[in-house]
Amino acid sequence: MTTTVRHYAAKGFTLIELLIVVIIIAILAAIAIPQFSSSSEDAQESAMAANLSTMRSAIELYRVQHNNTYPSRAPTGTAPTCTGTAGSTDDNNAQTMTDQLTRYSNAAGHTCSVSSALFPFGPYLRAIPNEPVTNAAGITVVTAAATTPPSATSTGWRFVNTTGTFQVNSTRMARDGNTPLANK
């Protein structure tokens, strides 16, 4: 009879052994889960830094090829004939900036969806990227740094078209807790 009892006891785990295993798994999960969530935020900030770098490079190249004029400024002079779709010509405008960075352009800033000898520059980007931390699209174009400063509720990008400053349109802090996202 003792052999039968030992035979059954050797086949399974005791309740205490199972509880110890469950507690160990819970401790490991408590350590690992915050690490995964912070790596997601780190990835968003890295994507944001890459997008900022790409946008700033495109803006600077546009400025160099367009007589020291930043995108979003109204084109000067008479627009040449565009065989495609002409872009926006409003001054200090996000749509004008988008057109000037994503379409072909001439030195005066006029844009066209089709490449031609009259529009030798660009496009500098395929599309304006979303701001990855809040996944917000859009650019707020301002003419002075003090005009509509970033706030805790603003999202997307912010561009000061008199200085060429391109930043995140937010006062949220980066993961390091010391640097505002707008200063990245």
Foldseek 3Di string as FASTA:
>chain_A
DVVVVVVVVVPDDDPVVVVVVVVVVVVVCVVVVVVVVVVVLVVLLVVLVVLVVLVLVLQVVLCVLQVNFGFQAAFDDDDDDEPADKFDRDHQDQRRNFQQQQFFAHSRSIGYNDDDPRRPDDNSDNGRAWNRNVSHDDERGAQDCPPLAAEQPDATWYAHRVVGQIATRHQPARPVRPHGRRVD
